[in-house]
Amino acid sequence: YDEVRDIFGKETLSDIVDHTETWLYDSAKQNNIEYTPSLEVVPFDEI
């Protein structure tokens, strides 16, 4: 965890999905957009 945060920074969102710890990083802050991030659905349209 610490090594990932040292390299990638603080995750946008984290939780358990299908019994697996999952972290999400995205460009929402850099692009100054608001959307509802999800660990279960990739926002294809926004990309």
ModelCIF file with pLDDT and N, C-alpha, C, O atoms, coordinates in Angstrom:
data_MODEL
#
_entry.id   MODEL 
#
_entity.id                         1 
_entity.type                       polymer 
_entity.pdbx_number_of_molecules   1 
#
_entity_poly.entity_id                      1 
_entity_poly.type                           'polypeptide(L)' 
_entity_poly.nstd_linkage                   no 
_entity_poly.nstd_monomer                   no 
_entity_poly.pdbx_seq_one_letter_code       YDEVRDIFGKETLSDIVDHTETWLYDSAKQNNIEYTPSLEVVPFDEI 
_entity_poly.pdbx_seq_one_letter_code_can   YDEVRDIFGKETLSDIVDHTETWLYDSAKQNNIEYTPSLEVVPFDEI 
_entity_poly.pdbx_strand_id                 A 
#
loop_
_entity_poly_seq.entity_id 
_entity_poly_seq.num 
_entity_poly_seq.mon_id 
_entity_poly_seq.hetero 
1 1  TYR n 
1 2  ASP n 
1 3  GLU n 
1 4  VAL n 
1 5  ARG n 
1 6  ASP n 
1 7  ILE n 
1 8  PHE n 
1 9  GLY n 
1 10 LYS n 
1 11 GLU n 
1 12 THR n 
1 13 LEU n 
1 14 SER n 
1 15 ASP n 
1 16 ILE n 
1 17 VAL n 
1 18 ASP n 
1 19 HIS n 
1 20 THR n 
1 21 GLU n 
1 22 THR n 
1 23 TRP n 
1 24 LEU n 
1 25 TYR n 
1 26 ASP n 
1 27 SER n 
1 28 ALA n 
1 29 LYS n 
1 30 GLN n 
1 31 ASN n 
1 32 ASN n 
1 33 ILE n 
1 34 GLU n 
1 35 TYR n 
1 36 THR n 
1 37 PRO n 
1 38 SER n 
1 39 LEU n 
1 40 GLU n 
1 41 VAL n 
1 42 VAL n 
1 43 PRO n 
1 44 PHE n 
1 45 ASP n 
1 46 GLU n 
1 47 ILE n 
#
_struct_asym.id          A 
_struct_asym.entity_id   1 
#
loop_
_ma_qa_metric.id 
_ma_qa_metric.mode 
_ma_qa_metric.name 
_ma_qa_metric.software_group_id 
_ma_qa_metric.type 
1 global pLDDT . pLDDT 
2 local  pLDDT . pLDDT 
#
_ma_qa_metric_global.metric_id      1 
_ma_qa_metric_global.metric_value   95.26 
_ma_qa_metric_global.model_id       1 
_ma_qa_metric_global.ordinal_id     1 
#
loop_
_ma_qa_metric_local.label_asym_id 
_ma_qa_metric_local.label_comp_id 
_ma_qa_metric_local.label_seq_id 
_ma_qa_metric_local.metric_id 
_ma_qa_metric_local.metric_value 
_ma_qa_metric_local.model_id 
_ma_qa_metric_local.ordinal_id 
A TYR 1  2 98.00 1 1  
A ASP 2  2 98.00 1 2  
A GLU 3  2 98.00 1 3  
A VAL 4  2 98.00 1 4  
A ARG 5  2 98.00 1 5  
A ASP 6  2 98.00 1 6  
A ILE 7  2 98.00 1 7  
A PHE 8  2 98.00 1 8  
A GLY 9  2 98.00 1 9  
A LYS 10 2 97.00 1 10 
A GLU 11 2 97.00 1 11 
A THR 12 2 96.00 1 12 
A LEU 13 2 97.00 1 13 
A SER 14 2 98.00 1 14 
A ASP 15 2 97.00 1 15 
A ILE 16 2 96.00 1 16 
A VAL 17 2 94.00 1 17 
A ASP 18 2 91.00 1 18 
A HIS 19 2 92.00 1 19 
A THR 20 2 95.00 1 20 
A GLU 21 2 98.00 1 21 
A THR 22 2 98.00 1 22 
A TRP 23 2 98.00 1 23 
A LEU 24 2 98.00 1 24 
A TYR 25 2 98.00 1 25 
A ASP 26 2 97.00 1 26 
A SER 27 2 95.00 1 27 
A ALA 28 2 93.00 1 28 
A LYS 29 2 90.00 1 29 
A GLN 30 2 89.00 1 30 
A ASN 31 2 89.00 1 31 
A ASN 32 2 91.00 1 32 
A ILE 33 2 90.00 1 33 
A GLU 34 2 88.00 1 34 
A TYR 35 2 90.00 1 35 
A THR 36 2 92.00 1 36 
A PRO 37 2 94.00 1 37 
A SER 38 2 95.00 1 38 
A LEU 39 2 96.00 1 39 
A GLU 40 2 94.00 1 40 
A VAL 41 2 95.00 1 41 
A VAL 42 2 96.00 1 42 
A PRO 43 2 96.00 1 43 
A PHE 44 2 96.00 1 44 
A ASP 45 2 96.00 1 45 
A GLU 46 2 96.00 1 46 
A ILE 47 2 97.00 1 47 
#
loop_
_atom_site.group_PDB 
_atom_site.id 
_atom_site.type_symbol 
_atom_site.label_atom_id 
_atom_site.label_alt_id 
_atom_site.label_comp_id 
_atom_site.label_asym_id 
_atom_site.label_entity_id 
_atom_site.label_seq_id 
_atom_site.pdbx_PDB_ins_code 
_atom_site.Cartn_x 
_atom_site.Cartn_y 
_atom_site.Cartn_z 
_atom_site.occupancy 
_atom_site.B_iso_or_equiv 
_atom_site.pdbx_formal_charge 
_atom_site.auth_seq_id 
_atom_site.auth_comp_id 
_atom_site.auth_asym_id 
_atom_site.auth_atom_id 
_atom_site.pdbx_PDB_model_num 
ATOM 1   N N  . TYR A 1 1  ? 0.831   -1.200  0.000   1.00 98.00 ? 1  TYR A N  1 
ATOM 2   C CA . TYR A 1 1  ? 0.000   0.000   0.000   1.00 98.00 ? 1  TYR A CA 1 
ATOM 3   C C  . TYR A 1 1  ? 0.869   1.256   0.000   1.00 98.00 ? 1  TYR A C  1 
ATOM 4   O O  . TYR A 1 1  ? 0.669   2.159   -0.812  1.00 98.00 ? 1  TYR A O  1 
ATOM 5   N N  . ASP A 1 2  ? 1.831   1.304   0.912   1.00 98.00 ? 2  ASP A N  1 
ATOM 6   C CA . ASP A 1 2  ? 2.682   2.490   1.028   1.00 98.00 ? 2  ASP A CA 1 
ATOM 7   C C  . ASP A 1 2  ? 3.488   2.731   -0.244  1.00 98.00 ? 2  ASP A C  1 
ATOM 8   O O  . ASP A 1 2  ? 3.635   3.876   -0.673  1.00 98.00 ? 2  ASP A O  1 
ATOM 9   N N  . GLU A 1 3  ? 4.007   1.677   -0.847  1.00 98.00 ? 3  GLU A N  1 
ATOM 10  C CA . GLU A 1 3  ? 4.781   1.830   -2.077  1.00 98.00 ? 3  GLU A CA 1 
ATOM 11  C C  . GLU A 1 3  ? 3.903   2.341   -3.213  1.00 98.00 ? 3  GLU A C  1 
ATOM 12  O O  . GLU A 1 3  ? 4.328   3.194   -3.991  1.00 98.00 ? 3  GLU A O  1 
ATOM 13  N N  . VAL A 1 4  ? 2.679   1.823   -3.312  1.00 98.00 ? 4  VAL A N  1 
ATOM 14  C CA . VAL A 1 4  ? 1.747   2.296   -4.343  1.00 98.00 ? 4  VAL A CA 1 
ATOM 15  C C  . VAL A 1 4  ? 1.441   3.776   -4.129  1.00 98.00 ? 4  VAL A C  1 
ATOM 16  O O  . VAL A 1 4  ? 1.447   4.554   -5.083  1.00 98.00 ? 4  VAL A O  1 
ATOM 17  N N  . ARG A 1 5  ? 1.175   4.165   -2.893  1.00 98.00 ? 5  ARG A N  1 
ATOM 18  C CA . ARG A 1 5  ? 0.874   5.589   -2.618  1.00 98.00 ? 5  ARG A CA 1 
ATOM 19  C C  . ARG A 1 5  ? 2.089   6.475   -2.877  1.00 98.00 ? 5  ARG A C  1 
ATOM 20  O O  . ARG A 1 5  ? 1.942   7.607   -3.338  1.00 98.00 ? 5  ARG A O  1 
ATOM 21  N N  . ASP A 1 6  ? 3.287   5.970   -2.584  1.00 98.00 ? 6  ASP A N  1 
ATOM 22  C CA . ASP A 1 6  ? 4.495   6.755   -2.873  1.00 98.00 ? 6  ASP A CA 1 
ATOM 23  C C  . ASP A 1 6  ? 4.635   7.012   -4.366  1.00 98.00 ? 6  ASP A C  1 
ATOM 24  O O  . ASP A 1 6  ? 5.085   8.085   -4.770  1.00 98.00 ? 6  ASP A O  1 
ATOM 25  N N  . ILE A 1 7  ? 4.256   6.043   -5.187  1.00 98.00 ? 7  ILE A N  1 
ATOM 26  C CA . ILE A 1 7  ? 4.415   6.149   -6.643  1.00 98.00 ? 7  ILE A CA 1 
ATOM 27  C C  . ILE A 1 7  ? 3.232   6.869   -7.292  1.00 98.00 ? 7  ILE A C  1 
ATOM 28  O O  . ILE A 1 7  ? 3.429   7.794   -8.080  1.00 98.00 ? 7  ILE A O  1 
ATOM 29  N N  . PHE A 1 8  ? 2.015   6.455   -6.968  1.00 98.00 ? 8  PHE A N  1 
ATOM 30  C CA . PHE A 1 8  ? 0.815   6.938   -7.659  1.00 98.00 ? 8  PHE A CA 1 
ATOM 31  C C  . PHE A 1 8  ? 0.074   8.049   -6.918  1.00 98.00 ? 8  PHE A C  1 
ATOM 32  O O  . PHE A 1 8  ? -0.786  8.710   -7.499  1.00 98.00 ? 8  PHE A O  1 
ATOM 33  N N  . GLY A 1 9  ? 0.395   8.259   -5.656  1.00 98.00 ? 9  GLY A N  1 
ATOM 34  C CA . GLY A 1 9  ? -0.309  9.256   -4.864  1.00 98.00 ? 9  GLY A CA 1 
ATOM 35  C C  . GLY A 1 9  ? -1.491  8.654   -4.128  1.00 98.00 ? 9  GLY A C  1 
ATOM 36  O O  . GLY A 1 9  ? -1.656  7.435   -4.077  1.00 98.00 ? 9  GLY A O  1 
ATOM 37  N N  . LYS A 1 10 ? -2.305  9.524   -3.562  1.00 97.00 ? 10 LYS A N  1 
ATOM 38  C CA . LYS A 1 10 ? -3.496  9.096   -2.825  1.00 97.00 ? 10 LYS A CA 1 
ATOM 39  C C  . LYS A 1 10 ? -4.588  8.701   -3.805  1.00 97.00 ? 10 LYS A C  1 
ATOM 40  O O  . LYS A 1 10 ? -4.881  9.429   -4.754  1.00 97.00 ? 10 LYS A O  1 
ATOM 41  N N  . GLU A 1 11 ? -5.177  7.560   -3.571  1.00 97.00 ? 11 GLU A N  1 
ATOM 42  C CA . GLU A 1 11 ? -6.237  7.059   -4.439  1.00 97.00 ? 11 GLU A CA 1 
ATOM 43  C C  . GLU A 1 11 ? -7.489  7.929   -4.349  1.00 97.00 ? 11 GLU A C  1 
ATOM 44  O O  . GLU A 1 11 ? -7.745  8.559   -3.323  1.00 97.00 ? 11 GLU A O  1 
ATOM 45  N N  . THR A 1 12 ? -8.265  7.956   -5.433  1.00 96.00 ? 12 THR A N  1 
ATOM 46  C CA . THR A 1 12 ? -9.527  8.687   -5.482  1.00 96.00 ? 12 THR A CA 1 
ATOM 47  C C  . THR A 1 12 ? -10.591 7.985   -4.659  1.00 96.00 ? 12 THR A C  1 
ATOM 48  O O  . THR A 1 12 ? -11.402 8.625   -3.991  1.00 96.00 ? 12 THR A O  1 
ATOM 49  N N  . LEU A 1 13 ? -10.577 6.659   -4.717  1.00 97.00 ? 13 LEU A N  1 
ATOM 50  C CA . LEU A 1 13 ? -11.615 5.842   -4.088  1.00 97.00 ? 13 LEU A CA 1 
ATOM 51  C C  . LEU A 1 13 ? -11.013 4.479   -3.787  1.00 97.00 ? 13 LEU A C  1 
ATOM 52  O O  . LEU A 1 13 ? -10.177 3.990   -4.545  1.00 97.00 ? 13 LEU A O  1 
ATOM 53  N N  . SER A 1 14 ? -11.428 3.865   -2.691  1.00 98.00 ? 14 SER A N  1 
ATOM 54  C CA . SER A 1 14 ? -10.993 2.498   -2.393  1.00 98.00 ? 14 SER A CA 1 
ATOM 55  C C  . SER A 1 14 ? -12.090 1.782   -1.632  1.00 98.00 ? 14 SER A C  1 
ATOM 56  O O  . SER A 1 14 ? -12.824 2.382   -0.847  1.00 98.00 ? 14 SER A O  1 
ATOM 57  N N  . ASP A 1 15 ? -12.185 0.489   -1.882  1.00 97.00 ? 15 ASP A N  1 
ATOM 58  C CA . ASP A 1 15 ? -13.188 -0.330  -1.206  1.00 97.00 ? 15 ASP A CA 1 
ATOM 59  C C  . ASP A 1 15 ? -12.931 -1.795  -1.567  1.00 97.00 ? 15 ASP A C  1 
ATOM 60  O O  . ASP A 1 15 ? -12.019 -2.115  -2.329  1.00 97.00 ? 15 ASP A O  1 
ATOM 61  N N  . ILE A 1 16 ? -13.748 -2.662  -1.006  1.00 96.00 ? 16 ILE A N  1 
ATOM 62  C CA . ILE A 1 16 ? -13.683 -4.085  -1.311  1.00 96.00 ? 16 ILE A CA 1 
ATOM 63  C C  . ILE A 1 16 ? -14.694 -4.364  -2.426  1.00 96.00 ? 16 ILE A C  1 
ATOM 64  O O  . ILE A 1 16 ? -15.876 -4.046  -2.290  1.00 96.00 ? 16 ILE A O  1 
ATOM 65  N N  . VAL A 1 17 ? -14.229 -4.959  -3.525  1.00 94.00 ? 17 VAL A N  1 
ATOM 66  C CA . VAL A 1 17 ? -15.098 -5.340  -4.641  1.00 94.00 ? 17 VAL A CA 1 
ATOM 67  C C  . VAL A 1 17 ? -14.833 -6.811  -4.930  1.00 94.00 ? 17 VAL A C  1 
ATOM 68  O O  . VAL A 1 17 ? -13.698 -7.201  -5.207  1.00 94.00 ? 17 VAL A O  1 
ATOM 69  N N  . ASP A 1 18 ? -15.885 -7.626  -4.865  1.00 91.00 ? 18 ASP A N  1 
ATOM 70  C CA . ASP A 1 18 ? -15.744 -9.073  -5.079  1.00 91.00 ? 18 ASP A CA 1 
ATOM 71  C C  . ASP A 1 18 ? -14.626 -9.654  -4.212  1.00 91.00 ? 18 ASP A C  1 
ATOM 72  O O  . ASP A 1 18 ? -13.772 -10.390 -4.704  1.00 91.00 ? 18 ASP A O  1 
ATOM 73  N N  . HIS A 1 19 ? -14.638 -9.324  -2.945  1.00 92.00 ? 19 HIS A N  1 
ATOM 74  C CA . HIS A 1 19 ? -13.682 -9.828  -1.947  1.00 92.00 ? 19 HIS A CA 1 
ATOM 75  C C  . HIS A 1 19 ? -12.247 -9.394  -2.208  1.00 92.00 ? 19 HIS A C  1 
ATOM 76  O O  . HIS A 1 19 ? -11.314 -10.005 -1.688  1.00 92.00 ? 19 HIS A O  1 
ATOM 77  N N  . THR A 1 20 ? -12.060 -8.349  -3.004  1.00 95.00 ? 20 THR A N  1 
ATOM 78  C CA . THR A 1 20 ? -10.721 -7.867  -3.343  1.00 95.00 ? 20 THR A CA 1 
ATOM 79  C C  . THR A 1 20 ? -10.632 -6.373  -3.064  1.00 95.00 ? 20 THR A C  1 
ATOM 80  O O  . THR A 1 20 ? -11.498 -5.603  -3.478  1.00 95.00 ? 20 THR A O  1 
ATOM 81  N N  . GLU A 1 21 ? -9.580  -5.970  -2.362  1.00 98.00 ? 21 GLU A N  1 
ATOM 82  C CA . GLU A 1 21 ? -9.349  -4.539  -2.132  1.00 98.00 ? 21 GLU A CA 1 
ATOM 83  C C  . GLU A 1 21 ? -9.006  -3.907  -3.473  1.00 98.00 ? 21 GLU A C  1 
ATOM 84  O O  . GLU A 1 21 ? -8.111  -4.379  -4.174  1.00 98.00 ? 21 GLU A O  1 
ATOM 85  N N  . THR A 1 22 ? -9.714  -2.842  -3.829  1.00 98.00 ? 22 THR A N  1 
ATOM 86  C CA . THR A 1 22 ? -9.518  -2.164  -5.106  1.00 98.00 ? 22 THR A CA 1 
ATOM 87  C C  . THR A 1 22 ? -9.374  -0.670  -4.870  1.00 98.00 ? 22 THR A C  1 
ATOM 88  O O  . THR A 1 22 ? -10.139 -0.060  -4.122  1.00 98.00 ? 22 THR A O  1 
ATOM 89  N N  . TRP A 1 23 ? -8.373  -0.098  -5.528  1.00 98.00 ? 23 TRP A N  1 
ATOM 90  C CA . TRP A 1 23 ? -8.161  1.350   -5.475  1.00 98.00 ? 23 TRP A CA 1 
ATOM 91  C C  . TRP A 1 23 ? -8.372  1.930   -6.859  1.00 98.00 ? 23 TRP A C  1 
ATOM 92  O O  . TRP A 1 23 ? -8.049  1.304   -7.869  1.00 98.00 ? 23 TRP A O  1 
ATOM 93  N N  . LEU A 1 24 ? -8.915  3.130   -6.891  1.00 98.00 ? 24 LEU A N  1 
ATOM 94  C CA . LEU A 1 24 ? -9.157  3.837   -8.148  1.00 98.00 ? 24 LEU A CA 1 
ATOM 95  C C  . LEU A 1 24 ? -8.386  5.145   -8.170  1.00 98.00 ? 24 LEU A C  1 
ATOM 96  O O  . LEU A 1 24 ? -8.376  5.898   -7.196  1.00 98.00 ? 24 LEU A O  1 
ATOM 97  N N  . TYR A 1 25 ? -7.741  5.399   -9.302  1.00 98.00 ? 25 TYR A N  1 
ATOM 98  C CA . TYR A 1 25 ? -7.114  6.689   -9.594  1.00 98.00 ? 25 TYR A CA 1 
ATOM 99  C C  . TYR A 1 25 ? -7.749  7.196   -10.886 1.00 98.00 ? 25 TYR A C  1 
ATOM 100 O O  . TYR A 1 25 ? -8.022  6.405   -11.789 1.00 98.00 ? 25 TYR A O  1 
ATOM 101 N N  . ASP A 1 26 ? -7.986  8.502   -10.987 1.00 97.00 ? 26 ASP A N  1 
ATOM 102 C CA . ASP A 1 26 ? -8.506  9.047   -12.234 1.00 97.00 ? 26 ASP A CA 1 
ATOM 103 C C  . ASP A 1 26 ? -8.030  10.485  -12.420 1.00 97.00 ? 26 ASP A C  1 
ATOM 104 O O  . ASP A 1 26 ? -7.373  11.050  -11.546 1.00 97.00 ? 26 ASP A O  1 
ATOM 105 N N  . SER A 1 27 ? -8.362  11.056  -13.545 1.00 95.00 ? 27 SER A N  1 
ATOM 106 C CA . SER A 1 27 ? -7.911  12.413  -13.869 1.00 95.00 ? 27 SER A CA 1 
ATOM 107 C C  . SER A 1 27 ? -8.977  13.465  -13.591 1.00 95.00 ? 27 SER A C  1 
ATOM 108 O O  . SER A 1 27 ? -8.884  14.576  -14.114 1.00 95.00 ? 27 SER A O  1 
ATOM 109 N N  . ALA A 1 28 ? -9.983  13.150  -12.787 1.00 93.00 ? 28 ALA A N  1 
ATOM 110 C CA . ALA A 1 28 ? -11.082 14.099  -12.534 1.00 93.00 ? 28 ALA A CA 1 
ATOM 111 C C  . ALA A 1 28 ? -10.582 15.399  -11.926 1.00 93.00 ? 28 ALA A C  1 
ATOM 112 O O  . ALA A 1 28 ? -11.023 16.476  -12.327 1.00 93.00 ? 28 ALA A O  1 
ATOM 113 N N  . LYS A 1 29 ? -9.662  15.317  -10.955 1.00 90.00 ? 29 LYS A N  1 
ATOM 114 C CA . LYS A 1 29 ? -9.143  16.528  -10.309 1.00 90.00 ? 29 LYS A CA 1 
ATOM 115 C C  . LYS A 1 29 ? -8.369  17.392  -11.294 1.00 90.00 ? 29 LYS A C  1 
ATOM 116 O O  . LYS A 1 29 ? -8.562  18.607  -11.350 1.00 90.00 ? 29 LYS A O  1 
ATOM 117 N N  . GLN A 1 30 ? -7.486  16.756  -12.075 1.00 89.00 ? 30 GLN A N  1 
ATOM 118 C CA . GLN A 1 30 ? -6.698  17.517  -13.041 1.00 89.00 ? 30 GLN A CA 1 
ATOM 119 C C  . GLN A 1 30 ? -7.584  18.159  -14.101 1.00 89.00 ? 30 GLN A C  1 
ATOM 120 O O  . GLN A 1 30 ? -7.301  19.267  -14.558 1.00 89.00 ? 30 GLN A O  1 
ATOM 121 N N  . ASN A 1 31 ? -8.652  17.473  -14.495 1.00 89.00 ? 31 ASN A N  1 
ATOM 122 C CA . ASN A 1 31 ? -9.548  17.975  -15.530 1.00 89.00 ? 31 ASN A CA 1 
ATOM 123 C C  . ASN A 1 31 ? -10.676 18.828  -14.953 1.00 89.00 ? 31 ASN A C  1 
ATOM 124 O O  . ASN A 1 31 ? -11.486 19.383  -15.696 1.00 89.00 ? 31 ASN A O  1 
ATOM 125 N N  . ASN A 1 32 ? -10.722 18.930  -13.618 1.00 91.00 ? 32 ASN A N  1 
ATOM 126 C CA . ASN A 1 32 ? -11.723 19.731  -12.933 1.00 91.00 ? 32 ASN A CA 1 
ATOM 127 C C  . ASN A 1 32 ? -13.149 19.352  -13.338 1.00 91.00 ? 32 ASN A C  1 
ATOM 128 O O  . ASN A 1 32 ? -13.971 20.208  -13.664 1.00 91.00 ? 32 ASN A O  1 
ATOM 129 N N  . ILE A 1 33 ? -13.421 18.035  -13.308 1.00 90.00 ? 33 ILE A N  1 
ATOM 130 C CA . ILE A 1 33 ? -14.784 17.580  -13.610 1.00 90.00 ? 33 ILE A CA 1 
ATOM 131 C C  . ILE A 1 33 ? -15.366 16.897  -12.386 1.00 90.00 ? 33 ILE A C  1 
ATOM 132 O O  . ILE A 1 33 ? -14.646 16.405  -11.518 1.00 90.00 ? 33 ILE A O  1 
ATOM 133 N N  . GLU A 1 34 ? -16.673 16.883  -12.345 1.00 88.00 ? 34 GLU A N  1 
ATOM 134 C CA . GLU A 1 34 ? -17.376 16.167  -11.298 1.00 88.00 ? 34 GLU A CA 1 
ATOM 135 C C  . GLU A 1 34 ? -18.139 15.022  -11.941 1.00 88.00 ? 34 GLU A C  1 
ATOM 136 O O  . GLU A 1 34 ? -18.853 15.208  -12.927 1.00 88.00 ? 34 GLU A O  1 
ATOM 137 N N  . TYR A 1 35 ? -17.981 13.857  -11.379 1.00 90.00 ? 35 TYR A N  1 
ATOM 138 C CA . TYR A 1 35 ? -18.744 12.684  -11.777 1.00 90.00 ? 35 TYR A CA 1 
ATOM 139 C C  . TYR A 1 35 ? -18.732 11.749  -10.580 1.00 90.00 ? 35 TYR A C  1 
ATOM 140 O O  . TYR A 1 35 ? -18.019 11.999  -9.608  1.00 90.00 ? 35 TYR A O  1 
ATOM 141 N N  . THR A 1 36 ? -19.494 10.698  -10.636 1.00 92.00 ? 36 THR A N  1 
ATOM 142 C CA . THR A 1 36 ? -19.532 9.751   -9.529  1.00 92.00 ? 36 THR A CA 1 
ATOM 143 C C  . THR A 1 36 ? -18.603 8.584   -9.849  1.00 92.00 ? 36 THR A C  1 
ATOM 144 O O  . THR A 1 36 ? -18.947 7.721   -10.656 1.00 92.00 ? 36 THR A O  1 
ATOM 145 N N  . PRO A 1 37 ? -17.417 8.554   -9.214  1.00 94.00 ? 37 PRO A N  1 
ATOM 146 C CA . PRO A 1 37 ? -16.498 7.451   -9.492  1.00 94.00 ? 37 PRO A CA 1 
ATOM 147 C C  . PRO A 1 37 ? -17.046 6.140   -8.949  1.00 94.00 ? 37 PRO A C  1 
ATOM 148 O O  . PRO A 1 37 ? -17.755 6.121   -7.942  1.00 94.00 ? 37 PRO A O  1 
ATOM 149 N N  . SER A 1 38 ? -16.715 5.055   -9.617  1.00 95.00 ? 38 SER A N  1 
ATOM 150 C CA . SER A 1 38 ? -17.195 3.735   -9.226  1.00 95.00 ? 38 SER A CA 1 
ATOM 151 C C  . SER A 1 38 ? -16.070 2.721   -9.362  1.00 95.00 ? 38 SER A C  1 
ATOM 152 O O  . SER A 1 38 ? -15.238 2.813   -10.265 1.00 95.00 ? 38 SER A O  1 
ATOM 153 N N  . LEU A 1 39 ? -16.058 1.769   -8.466  1.00 96.00 ? 39 LEU A N  1 
ATOM 154 C CA . LEU A 1 39 ? -15.091 0.673   -8.559  1.00 96.00 ? 39 LEU A CA 1 
ATOM 155 C C  . LEU A 1 39 ? -15.650 -0.495  -9.360  1.00 96.00 ? 39 LEU A C  1 
ATOM 156 O O  . LEU A 1 39 ? -14.961 -1.491  -9.581  1.00 96.00 ? 39 LEU A O  1 
ATOM 157 N N  . GLU A 1 40 ? -16.890 -0.370  -9.791  1.00 94.00 ? 40 GLU A N  1 
ATOM 158 C CA . GLU A 1 40 ? -17.532 -1.474  -10.496 1.00 94.00 ? 40 GLU A CA 1 
ATOM 159 C C  . GLU A 1 40 ? -17.835 -1.175  -11.961 1.00 94.00 ? 40 GLU A C  1 
ATOM 160 O O  . GLU A 1 40 ? -18.125 -2.092  -12.730 1.00 94.00 ? 40 GLU A O  1 
ATOM 161 N N  . VAL A 1 41 ? -17.771 0.110   -12.362 1.00 95.00 ? 41 VAL A N  1 
ATOM 162 C CA . VAL A 1 41 ? -18.118 0.483   -13.730 1.00 95.00 ? 41 VAL A CA 1 
ATOM 163 C C  . VAL A 1 41 ? -17.095 1.482   -14.260 1.00 95.00 ? 41 VAL A C  1 
ATOM 164 O O  . VAL A 1 41 ? -16.816 2.495   -13.619 1.00 95.00 ? 41 VAL A O  1 
ATOM 165 N N  . VAL A 1 42 ? -16.541 1.190   -15.430 1.00 96.00 ? 42 VAL A N  1 
ATOM 166 C CA . VAL A 1 42 ? -15.628 2.124   -16.091 1.00 96.00 ? 42 VAL A CA 1 
ATOM 167 C C  . VAL A 1 42 ? -16.478 3.140   -16.848 1.00 96.00 ? 42 VAL A C  1 
ATOM 168 O O  . VAL A 1 42 ? -17.354 2.744   -17.617 1.00 96.00 ? 42 VAL A O  1 
ATOM 169 N N  . PRO A 1 43 ? -16.245 4.433   -16.654 1.00 96.00 ? 43 PRO A N  1 
ATOM 170 C CA . PRO A 1 43 ? -17.049 5.469   -17.325 1.00 96.00 ? 43 PRO A CA 1 
ATOM 171 C C  . PRO A 1 43 ? -16.578 5.693   -18.770 1.00 96.00 ? 43 PRO A C  1 
ATOM 172 O O  . PRO A 1 43 ? -15.921 6.688   -19.078 1.00 96.00 ? 43 PRO A O  1 
ATOM 173 N N  . PHE A 1 44 ? -16.927 4.751   -19.635 1.00 96.00 ? 44 PHE A N  1 
ATOM 174 C CA . PHE A 1 44 ? -16.473 4.799   -21.026 1.00 96.00 ? 44 PHE A CA 1 
ATOM 175 C C  . PHE A 1 44 ? -16.804 6.127   -21.704 1.00 96.00 ? 44 PHE A C  1 
ATOM 176 O O  . PHE A 1 44 ? -15.963 6.681   -22.411 1.00 96.00 ? 44 PHE A O  1 
ATOM 177 N N  . ASP A 1 45 ? -18.023 6.646   -21.499 1.00 96.00 ? 45 ASP A N  1 
ATOM 178 C CA . ASP A 1 45 ? -18.425 7.893   -22.162 1.00 96.00 ? 45 ASP A CA 1 
ATOM 179 C C  . ASP A 1 45 ? -17.546 9.072   -21.748 1.00 96.00 ? 45 ASP A C  1 
ATOM 180 O O  . ASP A 1 45 ? -17.159 9.886   -22.586 1.00 96.00 ? 45 ASP A O  1 
ATOM 181 N N  . GLU A 1 46 ? -17.230 9.165   -20.444 1.00 96.00 ? 46 GLU A N  1 
ATOM 182 C CA . GLU A 1 46 ? -16.386 10.262  -19.968 1.00 96.00 ? 46 GLU A CA 1 
ATOM 183 C C  . GLU A 1 46 ? -14.974 10.184  -20.548 1.00 96.00 ? 46 GLU A C  1 
ATOM 184 O O  . GLU A 1 46 ? -14.351 11.210  -20.819 1.00 96.00 ? 46 GLU A O  1 
ATOM 185 N N  . ILE A 1 47 ? -14.478 8.969   -20.734 1.00 97.00 ? 47 ILE A N  1 
ATOM 186 C CA . ILE A 1 47 ? -13.150 8.793   -21.330 1.00 97.00 ? 47 ILE A CA 1 
ATOM 187 C C  . ILE A 1 47 ? -13.208 9.087   -22.830 1.00 97.00 ? 47 ILE A C  1 
ATOM 188 O O  . ILE A 1 47 ? -12.191 8.995   -23.518 1.00 97.00 ? 47 ILE A O  1 
#
